[in-house]
């Protein structure tokens, strides 16, 4: 039998993929999230580029995520560009800050804040733009948020539900950067489903360089082949509509290295010729059609992500067997890190919530519960203290545990300090102590113990338990924030990095649902 033409193409470019295709099995699904930071509110040609991209994709049945700056949405309304607005409404609408590069940027005003005041300040400054974007685009919720440039802060993740960004109680964050990343795959962080730090699964074609299309195809093909061989995965691709029509970014022209001219002095960026823009559109069209031709490719949006990467423990809770596995892992490693157990993943904060719920339920009922809750928690707002105790009498530990349970229920945040009377305990050390108590209770229950017999007479409290997920948070280097052309050269934000490390309590892989 003669091999079909598409199979011949695959045999040449993707030998591993064609073996699956030729064998009759469905190819592994390779998801592609295509997103556009739609931000240039100075150059009117950006409106037309946005319209053309939205229409090009709609004609192919592809929905992309367009993350709008609040002022861009307002400018479209003021210019009467209902055609652009209606074209965008066929796609997924996310948010990209209120003013983008007008100083102070997000990282600049978060640099001196703590946790709660940082969340409140982000909502104060960026909330009006989110409201305007929803109103002008006619959407109830925005699908996701992503920061301008490298102007990132962990407090933004926690603010998203209050700003009606994301699917509900959980936010959604889609962008690219290096502040936090997890093996180039989606993850949960601060309660938000996150696509970020996606290298080596992030790619894009250079729109204007000679050979850009060929290089872009090769890069996409290589990622597709690797992910297909691994059973599937997610590729992240982003652009700005203004890239088709400008020579230099609109914000670099006006706000470079801390410049902040009054609005009356803002200048539009230099534009490309019509021929250059047309050639870039044609190359992009070929780039997208090439992606569509590969087996298993499926375009998804930020709005699709919660259905693709659910977090079942929020709905279903955990079985005792899963919690015993958590306790075993903590006791064996002496560290607090994220864990994967079959189809579920657990952050260090999830593990604390589960162990506290199991032990508190056992204290109150005298028996081990059959289902354990693990509500979403934020990480601690402040740096933990040095643990001041080595061992506690059971009743002292019990009272501290019940106080932590109350704090988790009412604040939905890992406490910075656990108190046993006047003595301070670091939350990671308290988590490790909970694990040893849970293992003692399991053994006692297996021997027929109930009530007080489930618990030890004294509880050892370790010191220096590591928060293993911190290694996935970037170090505070001059380029982490200062590498963006809008920030002053050398701009650093060590307090933001410190807050990010505390929120490593919440980090865990986002697993593809069945």
Protein backbone atom coordinates (compact mmCIF):
# COMPACT_ATOMS: atom_id res chain seq x y z
CA UNK A 1 0.00 0.00 0.00
CA UNK A 2 1.38 3.42 -0.93
CA UNK A 3 2.09 5.68 2.06
CA UNK A 4 -0.16 8.79 2.18
CA UNK A 5 1.45 12.12 1.32
CA UNK A 6 1.18 13.45 4.89
CA UNK A 7 2.84 10.28 6.18
CA UNK A 8 5.68 10.74 3.70
CA UNK A 9 6.15 14.26 5.01
CA UNK A 10 6.23 12.99 8.57
CA UNK A 11 8.58 10.14 7.71
CA UNK A 12 11.11 12.66 6.50
CA UNK A 13 10.75 15.23 9.27
CA UNK A 14 9.38 13.29 12.24
CA UNK A 15 10.29 9.60 12.08
CA UNK A 16 9.05 8.85 15.59
CA UNK A 17 5.71 10.52 14.89
CA UNK A 18 5.10 8.71 11.61
CA UNK A 19 5.60 5.36 13.30
CA UNK A 20 2.67 6.16 15.57
CA UNK A 21 0.64 7.49 12.64
CA UNK A 22 1.38 4.50 10.42
CA UNK A 23 0.55 2.09 13.24
CA UNK A 24 -3.01 3.37 13.38
CA UNK A 25 -2.85 4.79 16.91
CA UNK A 26 -3.83 8.38 17.62
CA UNK A 27 -0.71 10.56 17.82
CA UNK A 28 0.13 12.04 21.22
CA UNK A 29 -1.59 15.38 21.71
CA UNK A 30 0.75 18.36 21.54
CA UNK A 31 -1.01 21.44 22.86
CA UNK A 32 -0.04 24.87 21.55
CA UNK A 33 -0.95 28.00 23.50
CA UNK A 34 -0.61 31.01 21.20
CA UNK A 35 -0.84 34.35 23.00
CA UNK A 36 -0.45 37.99 22.05
CA UNK A 37 0.52 40.81 24.39
CA UNK A 38 -1.74 43.47 22.90
CA UNK A 39 -0.25 46.62 24.34
CA UNK A 40 0.74 49.35 21.88
CA UNK A 41 -1.78 52.16 22.40
CA UNK A 42 0.30 54.78 20.56
CA UNK A 43 0.68 53.44 17.02
CA UNK A 44 -2.70 53.25 15.21
CA UNK A 45 -1.28 50.65 12.82
CA UNK A 46 -1.21 48.25 15.78
CA UNK A 47 -5.03 48.26 15.72
CA UNK A 48 -5.01 47.00 12.14
CA UNK A 49 -2.34 44.41 12.88
CA UNK A 50 -4.43 43.11 15.80
CA UNK A 51 -7.50 42.89 13.56
CA UNK A 52 -5.64 41.04 10.84
CA UNK A 53 -4.14 38.50 13.26
CA UNK A 54 -7.47 37.86 14.95
CA UNK A 55 -9.20 37.33 11.60
CA UNK A 56 -6.39 35.15 10.20
CA UNK A 57 -6.69 32.78 13.15
CA UNK A 58 -10.49 32.82 13.22
CA UNK A 59 -10.62 31.75 9.57
CA UNK A 60 -8.60 28.68 10.56
CA UNK A 61 -10.77 27.87 13.54
CA UNK A 62 -7.95 28.77 15.93
CA UNK A 63 -8.66 30.70 19.13
CA UNK A 64 -5.68 32.52 20.58
CA UNK A 65 -5.29 34.40 23.85
CA UNK A 66 -5.05 38.17 23.44
CA UNK A 67 -3.81 39.78 26.67
CA UNK A 68 -4.87 43.42 26.53
CA UNK A 69 -3.41 46.38 28.36
CA UNK A 70 -6.21 48.41 29.93
CA UNK A 71 -5.24 51.56 28.06
CA UNK A 72 -5.17 49.63 24.77
CA UNK A 73 -8.79 48.58 25.34
CA UNK A 74 -9.74 52.18 26.17
CA UNK A 75 -7.97 53.49 23.06
CA UNK A 76 -9.80 50.99 20.84
CA UNK A 77 -13.06 52.26 22.31
CA UNK A 78 -12.09 55.94 21.85
CA UNK A 79 -11.00 55.37 18.26
CA UNK A 80 -14.29 53.66 17.47
CA UNK A 81 -12.57 50.42 16.45
CA UNK A 82 -15.58 48.18 16.96
CA UNK A 83 -14.22 46.00 14.15
CA UNK A 84 -11.11 45.20 16.20
CA UNK A 85 -13.13 44.67 19.37
CA UNK A 86 -15.54 42.29 17.65
CA UNK A 87 -12.68 40.36 16.04
CA UNK A 88 -11.01 39.99 19.45
CA UNK A 89 -14.26 38.80 21.04
CA UNK A 90 -13.99 35.61 18.97
CA UNK A 91 -10.82 34.83 20.92
CA UNK A 92 -9.79 34.42 24.53
CA UNK A 93 -9.23 37.70 26.40
CA UNK A 94 -6.58 38.03 29.06
CA UNK A 95 -5.04 41.00 30.86
CA UNK A 96 -1.61 42.62 30.58
CA UNK A 97 -1.70 45.44 33.20
CA UNK A 98 -3.31 48.87 33.12
CA UNK A 99 -0.57 51.07 31.62
CA UNK A 100 2.23 48.55 30.96
CA UNK A 101 5.40 50.67 30.95
CA UNK A 102 4.35 53.95 32.52
CA UNK A 103 6.39 54.33 35.70
CA UNK A 104 6.11 53.05 38.35
CA UNK A 105 5.82 49.62 36.76
CA UNK A 106 4.50 46.62 38.66
CA UNK A 107 7.89 45.55 39.99
CA UNK A 108 8.85 49.12 40.83
CA UNK A 109 5.87 49.71 43.11
CA UNK A 110 5.98 46.20 44.58
CA UNK A 111 9.70 46.41 45.37
CA UNK A 112 9.12 48.08 48.72
CA UNK A 113 5.99 46.21 49.81
CA UNK A 114 5.36 43.13 51.88
CA UNK A 115 2.73 40.54 51.14
CA UNK A 116 -0.69 41.95 52.04
CA UNK A 117 0.10 45.55 51.11
CA UNK A 118 1.62 44.36 47.83
CA UNK A 119 -1.54 42.46 46.91
CA UNK A 120 -3.68 45.49 47.81
CA UNK A 121 -1.47 47.87 45.83
CA UNK A 122 -1.58 45.69 42.73
CA UNK A 123 -5.39 45.57 42.89
CA UNK A 124 -5.56 49.34 43.42
CA UNK A 125 -3.35 50.18 40.46
CA UNK A 126 -4.27 47.43 38.01
CA UNK A 127 -7.90 46.73 38.92
CA UNK A 128 -9.35 49.68 36.94
CA UNK A 129 -7.69 48.46 33.75
CA UNK A 130 -9.09 44.96 34.26
CA UNK A 131 -12.55 46.45 34.80
CA UNK A 132 -12.29 48.51 31.61
CA UNK A 133 -11.02 45.56 29.58
CA UNK A 134 -13.92 43.36 30.71
CA UNK A 135 -16.45 46.12 29.97
CA UNK A 136 -15.10 47.07 26.55
CA UNK A 137 -14.57 43.48 25.38
CA UNK A 138 -17.86 42.34 26.89
CA UNK A 139 -16.52 39.45 28.96
CA UNK A 140 -17.49 38.42 32.49
CA UNK A 141 -14.00 37.26 33.45
CA UNK A 142 -10.55 37.66 31.96
CA UNK A 143 -8.85 34.35 31.28
CA UNK A 144 -5.38 35.15 32.61
CA UNK A 145 -2.82 37.78 33.52
CA UNK A 146 0.80 38.19 32.49
CA UNK A 147 3.25 40.91 33.48
CA UNK A 148 4.76 43.70 31.36
CA UNK A 149 8.35 42.84 30.44
CA UNK A 150 10.15 41.46 33.49
CA UNK A 151 8.02 43.54 35.88
CA UNK A 152 6.96 40.54 37.95
CA UNK A 153 5.91 39.97 41.56
CA UNK A 154 4.33 37.01 43.40
CA UNK A 155 1.66 39.20 44.98
CA UNK A 156 0.05 39.56 41.55
CA UNK A 157 -0.85 35.86 41.50
CA UNK A 158 -2.79 36.14 44.75
CA UNK A 159 -4.68 39.23 43.53
CA UNK A 160 -6.15 37.58 40.42
CA UNK A 161 -9.34 36.02 41.87
CA UNK A 162 -10.39 39.36 43.40
CA UNK A 163 -9.90 40.98 39.97
CA UNK A 164 -12.02 38.32 38.22
CA UNK A 165 -9.03 36.95 36.34
CA UNK A 166 -8.96 33.19 35.94
CA UNK A 167 -11.60 30.53 36.45
CA UNK A 168 -12.78 31.46 39.96
CA UNK A 169 -11.01 30.95 43.27
CA UNK A 170 -7.91 29.94 41.31
CA UNK A 171 -6.18 32.51 39.13
CA UNK A 172 -4.44 31.85 35.82
CA UNK A 173 -1.07 33.32 34.82
CA UNK A 174 0.37 33.12 31.29
CA UNK A 175 3.60 34.80 30.29
CA UNK A 176 7.29 34.08 29.82
CA UNK A 177 10.21 34.79 32.13
CA UNK A 178 12.68 33.28 34.56
CA UNK A 179 11.48 34.37 38.01
CA UNK A 180 9.97 30.95 38.71
CA UNK A 181 9.92 27.87 36.49
CA UNK A 182 9.38 24.15 36.69
CA UNK A 183 10.98 22.02 33.98
CA UNK A 184 9.40 23.93 31.10
CA UNK A 185 5.90 22.73 32.03
CA UNK A 186 2.76 24.30 33.55
CA UNK A 187 2.63 24.55 37.33
CA UNK A 188 0.61 25.87 40.25
CA UNK A 189 1.97 28.84 42.17
CA UNK A 190 0.18 31.00 44.74
CA UNK A 191 -3.03 29.21 43.85
CA UNK A 192 -2.81 30.16 40.16
CA UNK A 193 -2.46 27.79 37.21
CA UNK A 194 0.69 29.08 35.55
CA UNK A 195 2.38 28.84 32.15
CA UNK A 196 5.75 30.51 32.67
CA UNK A 197 9.44 29.77 32.27
CA UNK A 198 8.52 27.32 29.52
CA UNK A 199 11.95 26.83 27.96
CA UNK A 200 12.72 24.37 26.32
CA UNK A 201 9.04 24.24 25.29
CA UNK A 202 8.78 27.90 24.32
CA UNK A 203 9.49 29.04 20.78
CA UNK A 204 8.69 31.70 18.20
CA UNK A 205 9.59 32.61 14.66
CA UNK A 206 11.46 35.81 13.86
CA UNK A 207 8.96 37.73 11.75
CA UNK A 208 11.42 39.87 9.82
CA UNK A 209 14.83 38.15 9.70
CA UNK A 210 16.07 36.37 6.61
CA UNK A 211 15.44 32.66 7.06
CA UNK A 212 13.21 33.31 10.06
CA UNK A 213 10.40 31.09 8.78
CA UNK A 214 12.69 28.13 8.15
CA UNK A 215 14.37 28.47 11.55
CA UNK A 216 10.99 28.86 13.22
CA UNK A 217 9.66 25.70 11.57
CA UNK A 218 12.76 23.74 12.59
CA UNK A 219 12.50 24.87 16.22
CA UNK A 220 8.80 24.02 16.42
CA UNK A 221 9.34 20.67 14.71
CA UNK A 222 12.06 19.71 17.17
CA UNK A 223 9.92 20.53 20.21
CA UNK A 224 6.93 18.76 18.69
CA UNK A 225 8.98 15.65 18.00
CA UNK A 226 10.41 15.57 21.51
CA UNK A 227 7.04 16.08 23.20
CA UNK A 228 5.36 13.52 20.93
CA UNK A 229 7.95 10.94 21.88
CA UNK A 230 7.26 11.75 25.53
CA UNK A 231 3.49 11.29 25.24
CA UNK A 232 2.53 14.91 24.55
CA UNK A 233 2.89 18.27 26.24
CA UNK A 234 2.42 22.02 25.87
CA UNK A 235 4.25 24.48 23.59
CA UNK A 236 4.07 28.20 24.41
CA UNK A 237 4.32 30.81 21.63
CA UNK A 238 3.83 34.55 22.01
CA UNK A 239 3.98 37.73 19.97
CA UNK A 240 2.88 41.36 20.12
CA UNK A 241 0.70 42.61 17.24
CA UNK A 242 2.88 45.72 17.10
CA UNK A 243 5.85 43.55 16.05
CA UNK A 244 4.35 43.33 12.57
CA UNK A 245 4.23 47.10 12.06
CA UNK A 246 6.93 48.84 14.14
CA UNK A 247 10.70 49.11 14.01
CA UNK A 248 11.11 49.70 17.75
CA UNK A 249 8.77 48.93 20.65
CA UNK A 250 6.44 51.78 21.54
CA UNK A 251 7.45 51.80 25.21
CA UNK A 252 11.19 51.81 24.56
CA UNK A 253 10.74 55.03 22.61
CA UNK A 254 9.13 56.74 25.60
CA UNK A 255 9.95 55.02 28.90
CA UNK A 256 13.45 53.62 28.39
CA UNK A 257 15.59 53.21 31.52
CA UNK A 258 13.22 55.00 33.86
CA UNK A 259 12.17 57.88 31.59
CA UNK A 260 8.61 59.00 32.33
CA UNK A 261 7.58 61.92 30.09
CA UNK A 262 4.11 63.47 30.47
CA UNK A 263 1.47 62.08 28.15
CA UNK A 264 1.59 65.18 25.97
CA UNK A 265 5.17 64.25 25.04
CA UNK A 266 4.61 60.58 24.21
CA UNK A 267 5.81 59.69 20.73
CA UNK A 268 4.67 56.86 18.45
CA UNK A 269 7.43 54.43 17.46
CA UNK A 270 8.88 54.39 13.96
CA UNK A 271 6.79 52.19 11.65
CA UNK A 272 7.75 49.53 9.14
CA UNK A 273 6.86 49.87 5.49
CA UNK A 274 3.63 48.31 4.24
CA UNK A 275 5.69 45.78 2.26
CA UNK A 276 7.63 44.71 5.37
CA UNK A 277 4.44 44.26 7.38
CA UNK A 278 2.80 42.31 4.56
CA UNK A 279 5.75 39.94 4.25
CA UNK A 280 5.69 39.32 8.01
CA UNK A 281 1.97 38.48 7.88
CA UNK A 282 2.55 36.04 5.04
CA UNK A 283 5.40 34.32 6.88
CA UNK A 284 3.32 34.05 10.05
CA UNK A 285 0.45 32.53 8.10
CA UNK A 286 2.80 29.86 6.73
CA UNK A 287 4.22 29.30 10.22
CA UNK A 288 0.76 28.64 11.67
CA UNK A 289 -0.26 26.38 8.79
CA UNK A 290 2.91 24.37 9.26
CA UNK A 291 2.06 23.82 12.92
CA UNK A 292 -1.46 22.71 12.00
CA UNK A 293 -0.05 20.12 9.60
CA UNK A 294 1.77 18.16 12.29
CA UNK A 295 0.09 15.19 13.96
CA UNK A 296 -1.58 15.70 17.32
CA UNK A 297 -1.31 19.49 17.35
CA UNK A 298 -4.19 21.19 19.16
CA UNK A 299 -4.39 24.94 19.76
CA UNK A 300 -5.63 25.91 23.22
CA UNK A 301 -6.21 29.15 25.11
CA UNK A 302 -5.60 30.31 28.66
CA UNK A 303 -9.31 29.80 29.23
CA UNK A 304 -8.94 26.13 28.29
CA UNK A 305 -6.12 25.48 30.76
CA UNK A 306 -8.19 24.87 33.93
CA UNK A 307 -10.08 22.07 32.18
CA UNK A 308 -6.87 20.57 30.83
CA UNK A 309 -4.89 20.82 34.07
CA UNK A 310 -7.37 20.37 36.93
CA UNK A 311 -6.39 20.15 40.58
CA UNK A 312 -8.65 17.32 41.84
CA UNK A 313 -7.57 17.50 45.47
CA UNK A 314 -9.51 20.75 45.91
CA UNK A 315 -12.73 18.98 45.02
CA UNK A 316 -12.11 15.42 46.16
CA UNK A 317 -9.75 15.78 49.11
CA UNK A 318 -7.20 13.08 49.88
CA UNK A 319 -7.32 9.49 51.04
CA UNK A 320 -5.53 8.44 54.25
CA UNK A 321 -3.15 6.34 52.12
CA UNK A 322 -2.06 9.46 50.22
CA UNK A 323 -1.45 11.34 53.46
CA UNK A 324 0.59 8.44 54.85
CA UNK A 325 2.70 8.66 51.71
CA UNK A 326 3.24 12.37 52.37
CA UNK A 327 4.33 11.66 55.92
CA UNK A 328 6.67 8.87 54.81
CA UNK A 329 8.29 11.14 52.22
CA UNK A 330 8.83 14.02 54.64
CA UNK A 331 10.23 11.71 57.32
CA UNK A 332 12.62 10.11 54.82
CA UNK A 333 13.85 13.31 53.13
CA UNK A 334 13.86 15.78 55.99
CA UNK A 335 12.62 18.39 53.49
CA UNK A 336 9.37 20.06 52.49
CA UNK A 337 8.92 19.94 48.73
CA UNK A 338 6.20 19.22 46.22
CA UNK A 339 5.22 15.60 45.67
CA UNK A 340 3.49 13.69 42.91
CA UNK A 341 1.22 10.78 43.76
CA UNK A 342 -0.28 9.25 40.61
CA UNK A 343 -2.71 11.76 39.07
CA UNK A 344 -2.30 14.37 41.82
CA UNK A 345 0.44 16.76 42.88
CA UNK A 346 0.88 18.27 46.31
CA UNK A 347 2.74 21.42 47.25
CA UNK A 348 4.35 21.80 50.66
CA UNK A 349 1.35 23.97 51.61
CA UNK A 350 -1.02 21.17 50.50
CA UNK A 351 0.91 18.72 52.65
CA UNK A 352 0.66 20.97 55.70
CA UNK A 353 -3.08 21.44 55.15
CA UNK A 354 -3.62 17.69 54.79
CA UNK A 355 -1.56 16.64 57.81
CA UNK A 356 -3.15 19.28 60.02
CA UNK A 357 -6.63 18.23 58.91
CA UNK A 358 -5.87 14.55 59.54
CA UNK A 359 -4.42 15.13 63.01
CA UNK A 360 -7.02 17.69 64.09
CA UNK A 361 -9.81 15.34 62.99
CA UNK A 362 -8.20 12.49 64.91
CA UNK A 363 -7.94 14.63 68.04
CA UNK A 364 -11.60 15.61 67.86
CA UNK A 365 -13.10 12.19 66.99
CA UNK A 366 -10.58 9.79 68.50
CA UNK A 367 -10.24 7.98 65.16
CA UNK A 368 -8.42 8.54 61.87
CA UNK A 369 -10.64 10.29 59.27
CA UNK A 370 -11.45 8.54 56.01
CA UNK A 371 -11.16 11.67 53.86
CA UNK A 372 -8.79 14.57 54.38
CA UNK A 373 -9.25 18.11 53.12
CA UNK A 374 -6.50 20.07 51.38
CA UNK A 375 -7.76 23.60 50.66
CA UNK A 376 -5.62 25.98 48.62
CA UNK A 377 -3.23 27.98 50.79
CA UNK A 378 -0.82 30.82 50.12
CA UNK A 379 2.70 30.71 51.46
CA UNK A 380 3.76 32.59 54.60
CA UNK A 381 3.88 36.40 54.41
CA UNK A 382 7.14 36.77 56.35
CA UNK A 383 10.41 34.93 56.78
CA UNK A 384 10.23 32.11 59.37
CA UNK A 385 12.04 32.27 62.70
CA UNK A 386 14.60 29.81 64.01
CA UNK A 387 12.78 27.00 65.77
CA UNK A 388 13.20 27.41 69.53
CA UNK A 389 12.18 23.96 70.81
CA UNK A 390 13.50 20.44 70.30
CA UNK A 391 10.65 18.53 71.89
CA UNK A 392 7.13 19.24 73.11
CA UNK A 393 4.85 17.45 75.52
CA UNK A 394 1.89 16.11 73.54
CA UNK A 395 -0.70 18.53 74.92
CA UNK A 396 1.46 21.52 74.02
CA UNK A 397 1.89 20.21 70.49
CA UNK A 398 -1.86 19.48 70.29
CA UNK A 399 -2.75 23.04 71.24
CA UNK A 400 -0.29 24.46 68.68
CA UNK A 401 -1.75 22.16 66.02
CA UNK A 402 -5.33 23.25 66.69
CA UNK A 403 -4.24 26.89 66.57
CA UNK A 404 -2.60 26.28 63.17
CA UNK A 405 -5.77 24.58 61.93
CA UNK A 406 -7.76 27.69 62.93
CA UNK A 407 -5.24 29.97 61.20
CA UNK A 408 -5.35 27.93 57.99
CA UNK A 409 -9.14 27.98 57.89
CA UNK A 410 -9.47 31.70 58.52
CA UNK A 411 -6.46 33.13 56.70
CA UNK A 412 -5.87 30.50 53.99
CA UNK A 413 -2.15 31.10 54.35
CA UNK A 414 0.73 29.15 55.88
CA UNK A 415 1.64 30.98 59.10
CA UNK A 416 5.07 32.59 59.24
CA UNK A 417 5.47 31.40 62.82
CA UNK A 418 3.88 28.54 64.76
CA UNK A 419 3.62 29.23 68.48
CA UNK A 420 3.88 26.65 71.24
CA UNK A 421 3.19 28.99 74.12
CA UNK A 422 5.93 31.60 73.84
CA UNK A 423 8.23 29.35 71.83
CA UNK A 424 8.49 29.87 68.08
CA UNK A 425 8.54 27.09 65.46
CA UNK A 426 9.34 27.54 61.78
CA UNK A 427 6.42 26.25 59.65
CA UNK A 428 8.62 23.77 57.74
CA UNK A 429 9.83 22.27 61.02
CA UNK A 430 6.24 22.09 62.24
CA UNK A 431 5.28 20.26 59.03
CA UNK A 432 8.04 17.69 59.64
CA UNK A 433 6.85 17.24 63.25
CA UNK A 434 3.28 16.69 62.01
CA UNK A 435 4.58 13.96 59.70
CA UNK A 436 6.17 12.05 62.59
CA UNK A 437 2.99 12.35 64.67
CA UNK A 438 0.89 11.11 61.74
CA UNK A 439 3.12 8.05 61.31
CA UNK A 440 2.84 7.31 65.02
CA UNK A 441 -0.96 7.57 64.77
CA UNK A 442 -1.03 5.19 61.80
CA UNK A 443 0.98 2.60 63.72
CA UNK A 444 -1.14 3.03 66.85
CA UNK A 445 -4.39 2.71 64.88
CA UNK A 446 -3.13 -0.47 63.20
CA UNK A 447 -2.62 -1.89 66.71
CA UNK A 448 -6.16 -0.99 67.73
CA UNK A 449 -5.40 2.32 69.40
CA UNK A 450 -8.04 5.03 69.57
CA UNK A 451 -8.42 8.41 71.25
CA UNK A 452 -5.35 9.62 73.18
CA UNK A 453 -3.60 6.30 72.46
CA UNK A 454 -3.15 7.44 68.84
CA UNK A 455 -0.62 10.08 69.84
CA UNK A 456 2.88 10.04 71.33
CA UNK A 457 3.57 11.33 74.83
CA UNK A 458 6.19 13.70 73.46
CA UNK A 459 6.81 15.11 69.99
CA UNK A 460 10.27 15.78 68.59
CA UNK A 461 10.46 19.02 66.59
CA UNK A 462 13.29 19.03 64.02
CA UNK A 463 15.27 22.13 63.16
CA UNK A 464 16.33 23.41 59.76
CA UNK A 465 13.82 21.53 57.59
CA UNK A 466 14.48 22.66 54.01
CA UNK A 467 11.84 24.11 51.70
CA UNK A 468 13.06 22.16 48.69
CA UNK A 469 10.95 24.01 46.10
CA UNK A 470 12.95 27.20 46.68
CA UNK A 471 15.46 26.00 44.10
CA UNK A 472 12.90 26.78 41.39
CA UNK A 473 12.88 30.48 42.29
CA UNK A 474 15.42 32.71 40.51
CA UNK A 475 18.28 34.40 42.33
CA UNK A 476 18.33 38.17 42.66
CA UNK A 477 20.66 39.10 39.83
CA UNK A 478 21.04 42.50 38.11
CA UNK A 479 19.35 41.17 34.96
CA UNK A 480 16.31 39.59 36.64
CA UNK A 481 14.46 42.92 36.67
CA UNK A 482 17.04 45.39 35.35
CA UNK A 483 17.43 43.50 32.09
CA UNK A 484 14.13 44.96 30.85
CA UNK A 485 14.80 48.15 28.88
CA UNK A 486 12.05 50.03 30.73
CA UNK A 487 13.57 49.59 34.18
CA UNK A 488 16.57 51.61 35.24
CA UNK A 489 19.76 49.74 34.47
CA UNK A 490 20.74 47.59 37.44
CA UNK A 491 17.28 47.86 39.04
CA UNK A 492 16.89 45.13 41.64
CA UNK A 493 14.02 44.06 43.86
CA UNK A 494 15.38 41.74 46.58
CA UNK A 495 12.18 41.96 48.61
CA UNK A 496 10.17 40.65 45.67
CA UNK A 497 12.57 37.70 45.38
CA UNK A 498 12.28 37.07 49.12
CA UNK A 499 8.47 37.01 48.83
CA UNK A 500 8.75 34.70 45.83
CA UNK A 501 10.83 32.21 47.84
CA UNK A 502 8.28 32.20 50.66
CA UNK A 503 5.62 31.36 48.10
CA UNK A 504 7.61 28.30 47.01
CA UNK A 505 5.41 26.61 49.62
CA UNK A 506 2.67 26.71 46.96
CA UNK A 507 4.69 25.42 43.97
CA UNK A 508 3.80 22.10 42.34
CA UNK A 509 3.41 20.61 38.83
CA UNK A 510 0.13 21.08 36.99
CA UNK A 511 -0.80 17.60 35.74
CA UNK A 512 -2.79 16.93 32.61
CA UNK A 513 -6.24 15.54 33.41
CA UNK A 514 -7.69 12.46 31.80
